[in-house]
Amino acid sequence: MLPAGVMLSRLLEFSIQFYSGQPDIFSTGDNWNMDAITVTAILDDESELVLVQQAGSPLHRFMSDRQTRWATAL
């Protein structure tokens, strides 16, 4: 559920931030593909509203040192 006082109409963006683990300077960072995402809001009446539903091959590739954030407007 949305936190108290948060209005669905005031949400502008949904984003995912990726942080790659590099335990030392000799290790390379991780890369990950995100192929699909669905974001669903549960409303006060317990009904569900799909806010985001996207897919691709990949939809986004997170890389260890760049392209670490993916965002979409709501």
N, C-alpha and C. Protein backbone atom coordinates (compact mmCIF):
# COMPACT_ATOMS: atom_id res chain seq x y z
N MET A 1 0.84 -1.18 0.00
CA MET A 1 0.00 0.00 0.00
C MET A 1 0.88 1.24 0.00
N LEU A 2 0.32 2.30 -0.53
CA LEU A 2 1.03 3.56 -0.49
C LEU A 2 1.08 4.08 0.94
N PRO A 3 2.18 4.72 1.32
CA PRO A 3 2.26 5.28 2.68
C PRO A 3 1.15 6.31 2.90
N ALA A 4 0.75 6.49 4.14
CA ALA A 4 -0.28 7.46 4.48
C ALA A 4 0.13 8.84 3.98
N GLY A 5 -0.81 9.54 3.38
CA GLY A 5 -0.53 10.89 2.90
C GLY A 5 0.03 10.96 1.50
N VAL A 6 0.39 9.82 0.91
CA VAL A 6 0.93 9.81 -0.45
C VAL A 6 -0.23 9.62 -1.43
N MET A 7 -0.34 10.54 -2.35
CA MET A 7 -1.41 10.46 -3.34
C MET A 7 -0.84 9.90 -4.64
N LEU A 8 -1.52 8.93 -5.20
CA LEU A 8 -1.08 8.29 -6.43
C LEU A 8 -0.88 9.32 -7.54
N SER A 9 -1.72 10.32 -7.59
CA SER A 9 -1.62 11.35 -8.63
C SER A 9 -0.37 12.21 -8.50
N ARG A 10 0.30 12.16 -7.34
CA ARG A 10 1.51 12.96 -7.12
C ARG A 10 2.79 12.21 -7.46
N LEU A 11 2.68 10.91 -7.75
CA LEU A 11 3.86 10.14 -8.14
C LEU A 11 4.24 10.48 -9.57
N LEU A 12 5.49 10.82 -9.79
CA LEU A 12 5.94 11.25 -11.10
C LEU A 12 6.80 10.21 -11.81
N GLU A 13 7.54 9.41 -11.04
CA GLU A 13 8.54 8.54 -11.64
C GLU A 13 8.75 7.32 -10.76
N PHE A 14 9.10 6.21 -11.41
CA PHE A 14 9.55 5.01 -10.71
C PHE A 14 10.94 4.72 -11.22
N SER A 15 11.87 4.42 -10.31
CA SER A 15 13.23 4.15 -10.75
C SER A 15 13.85 3.00 -9.95
N ILE A 16 14.85 2.39 -10.57
CA ILE A 16 15.66 1.35 -9.95
C ILE A 16 17.11 1.79 -10.06
N GLN A 17 17.82 1.74 -8.95
CA GLN A 17 19.24 2.09 -8.93
C GLN A 17 20.03 0.82 -8.67
N PHE A 18 21.04 0.57 -9.49
CA PHE A 18 21.87 -0.64 -9.40
C PHE A 18 23.23 -0.27 -8.84
N TYR A 19 23.66 -0.99 -7.83
CA TYR A 19 25.01 -0.83 -7.28
C TYR A 19 25.74 -2.14 -7.44
N SER A 20 26.85 -2.10 -8.16
CA SER A 20 27.63 -3.31 -8.41
C SER A 20 28.62 -3.53 -7.28
N GLY A 21 28.78 -4.77 -6.89
CA GLY A 21 29.74 -5.09 -5.84
C GLY A 21 31.14 -5.28 -6.41
N GLN A 22 32.07 -4.52 -5.90
CA GLN A 22 33.48 -4.68 -6.25
C GLN A 22 34.26 -4.73 -4.95
N PRO A 23 34.61 -5.92 -4.49
CA PRO A 23 35.25 -6.05 -3.18
C PRO A 23 36.66 -5.44 -3.12
N ASP A 24 37.32 -5.31 -4.27
CA ASP A 24 38.65 -4.70 -4.28
C ASP A 24 38.91 -4.11 -5.66
N ILE A 25 40.00 -3.38 -5.83
CA ILE A 25 40.28 -2.69 -7.09
C ILE A 25 40.65 -3.66 -8.22
N PHE A 26 40.93 -4.90 -7.91
CA PHE A 26 41.29 -5.87 -8.93
C PHE A 26 40.08 -6.64 -9.47
N SER A 27 38.94 -6.47 -8.85
CA SER A 27 37.72 -7.15 -9.28
C SER A 27 36.97 -6.26 -10.28
N THR A 28 36.28 -6.89 -11.19
CA THR A 28 35.42 -6.14 -12.10
C THR A 28 34.00 -6.13 -11.55
N GLY A 29 33.26 -5.11 -11.90
CA GLY A 29 31.89 -4.99 -11.42
C GLY A 29 30.95 -5.91 -12.17
N ASP A 30 29.78 -6.09 -11.61
CA ASP A 30 28.76 -6.95 -12.22
C ASP A 30 27.94 -6.16 -13.21
N ASN A 31 27.40 -6.87 -14.21
CA ASN A 31 26.44 -6.33 -15.15
C ASN A 31 25.19 -7.19 -15.08
N TRP A 32 24.03 -6.57 -15.19
CA TRP A 32 22.78 -7.30 -15.11
C TRP A 32 21.82 -6.80 -16.18
N ASN A 33 21.09 -7.71 -16.79
CA ASN A 33 20.02 -7.36 -17.70
C ASN A 33 18.69 -7.38 -16.96
N MET A 34 17.88 -6.36 -17.19
CA MET A 34 16.50 -6.36 -16.69
C MET A 34 15.62 -6.54 -17.92
N ASP A 35 14.93 -7.67 -17.99
CA ASP A 35 14.11 -7.99 -19.16
C ASP A 35 12.67 -7.52 -19.03
N ALA A 36 12.17 -7.40 -17.83
CA ALA A 36 10.78 -6.99 -17.65
C ALA A 36 10.58 -6.43 -16.25
N ILE A 37 9.56 -5.59 -16.13
CA ILE A 37 9.19 -5.05 -14.83
C ILE A 37 7.69 -4.78 -14.81
N THR A 38 7.08 -5.07 -13.67
CA THR A 38 5.70 -4.70 -13.41
C THR A 38 5.66 -4.07 -12.02
N VAL A 39 5.10 -2.88 -11.94
CA VAL A 39 4.93 -2.17 -10.67
C VAL A 39 3.43 -2.02 -10.45
N THR A 40 2.96 -2.53 -9.33
CA THR A 40 1.53 -2.51 -9.02
C THR A 40 1.30 -1.77 -7.72
N ALA A 41 0.36 -0.82 -7.74
CA ALA A 41 -0.04 -0.11 -6.52
C ALA A 41 -1.26 -0.80 -5.94
N ILE A 42 -1.28 -0.95 -4.62
CA ILE A 42 -2.46 -1.45 -3.93
C ILE A 42 -3.16 -0.23 -3.32
N LEU A 43 -4.37 -0.01 -3.77
CA LEU A 43 -5.10 1.19 -3.36
C LEU A 43 -5.81 0.99 -2.03
N ASP A 44 -6.36 2.07 -1.49
CA ASP A 44 -7.02 2.01 -0.18
C ASP A 44 -8.13 0.97 -0.12
N ASP A 45 -8.83 0.75 -1.23
CA ASP A 45 -9.91 -0.23 -1.24
C ASP A 45 -9.40 -1.64 -1.53
N GLU A 46 -8.07 -1.81 -1.51
CA GLU A 46 -7.37 -3.08 -1.73
C GLU A 46 -7.41 -3.55 -3.19
N SER A 47 -7.90 -2.71 -4.08
CA SER A 47 -7.81 -3.03 -5.50
C SER A 47 -6.39 -2.75 -5.97
N GLU A 48 -6.02 -3.32 -7.10
CA GLU A 48 -4.67 -3.16 -7.63
C GLU A 48 -4.71 -2.35 -8.93
N LEU A 49 -3.69 -1.52 -9.10
CA LEU A 49 -3.57 -0.70 -10.29
C LEU A 49 -2.15 -0.87 -10.82
N VAL A 50 -2.00 -1.36 -12.04
CA VAL A 50 -0.67 -1.52 -12.64
C VAL A 50 -0.19 -0.15 -13.08
N LEU A 51 0.94 0.28 -12.52
CA LEU A 51 1.52 1.58 -12.84
C LEU A 51 2.52 1.49 -13.97
N VAL A 52 3.28 0.40 -14.00
CA VAL A 52 4.31 0.20 -15.01
C VAL A 52 4.28 -1.26 -15.43
N GLN A 53 4.31 -1.50 -16.72
CA GLN A 53 4.46 -2.85 -17.24
C GLN A 53 5.21 -2.73 -18.56
N GLN A 54 6.49 -3.10 -18.51
CA GLN A 54 7.36 -2.96 -19.69
C GLN A 54 8.23 -4.20 -19.81
N ALA A 55 8.63 -4.49 -21.05
CA ALA A 55 9.51 -5.64 -21.29
C ALA A 55 10.39 -5.34 -22.50
N GLY A 56 11.52 -6.02 -22.57
CA GLY A 56 12.45 -5.89 -23.69
C GLY A 56 13.51 -6.97 -23.60
N SER A 57 14.40 -6.96 -24.56
CA SER A 57 15.46 -7.99 -24.58
C SER A 57 16.84 -7.35 -24.73
N PRO A 58 17.40 -6.75 -23.76
CA PRO A 58 16.83 -6.46 -22.44
C PRO A 58 16.07 -5.13 -22.48
N LEU A 59 15.25 -4.92 -21.49
CA LEU A 59 14.61 -3.62 -21.29
C LEU A 59 15.68 -2.60 -20.91
N HIS A 60 16.61 -3.02 -20.06
CA HIS A 60 17.73 -2.16 -19.66
C HIS A 60 18.89 -3.05 -19.23
N ARG A 61 20.11 -2.64 -19.56
CA ARG A 61 21.31 -3.34 -19.09
C ARG A 61 22.00 -2.46 -18.07
N PHE A 62 22.02 -2.94 -16.83
CA PHE A 62 22.76 -2.25 -15.78
C PHE A 62 24.23 -2.62 -15.91
N MET A 63 25.08 -1.62 -15.90
CA MET A 63 26.52 -1.87 -16.01
C MET A 63 27.19 -1.33 -14.75
N SER A 64 28.30 -1.94 -14.39
CA SER A 64 28.93 -1.65 -13.09
C SER A 64 29.33 -0.19 -12.91
N ASP A 65 29.70 0.49 -13.98
CA ASP A 65 30.21 1.85 -13.82
C ASP A 65 29.42 2.90 -14.61
N ARG A 66 28.40 2.47 -15.34
CA ARG A 66 27.55 3.42 -16.06
C ARG A 66 26.19 2.74 -16.29
N GLN A 67 25.22 3.51 -16.68
CA GLN A 67 23.87 3.00 -16.86
C GLN A 67 23.39 2.27 -15.61
N THR A 68 23.63 2.90 -14.45
CA THR A 68 23.29 2.26 -13.18
C THR A 68 21.88 2.60 -12.70
N ARG A 69 21.19 3.44 -13.46
CA ARG A 69 19.83 3.84 -13.05
C ARG A 69 18.89 3.67 -14.22
N TRP A 70 17.70 3.12 -13.93
CA TRP A 70 16.64 3.01 -14.91
C TRP A 70 15.42 3.70 -14.34
N ALA A 71 14.74 4.52 -15.14
CA ALA A 71 13.58 5.24 -14.64
C ALA A 71 12.52 5.32 -15.74
N THR A 72 11.28 5.44 -15.32
CA THR A 72 10.17 5.63 -16.24
C THR A 72 9.16 6.55 -15.60
N ALA A 73 8.56 7.39 -16.42
CA ALA A 73 7.51 8.30 -15.93
C ALA A 73 6.25 7.50 -15.62
N LEU A 74 5.50 7.95 -14.65
CA LEU A 74 4.24 7.28 -14.29
C LEU A 74 3.06 8.02 -14.89
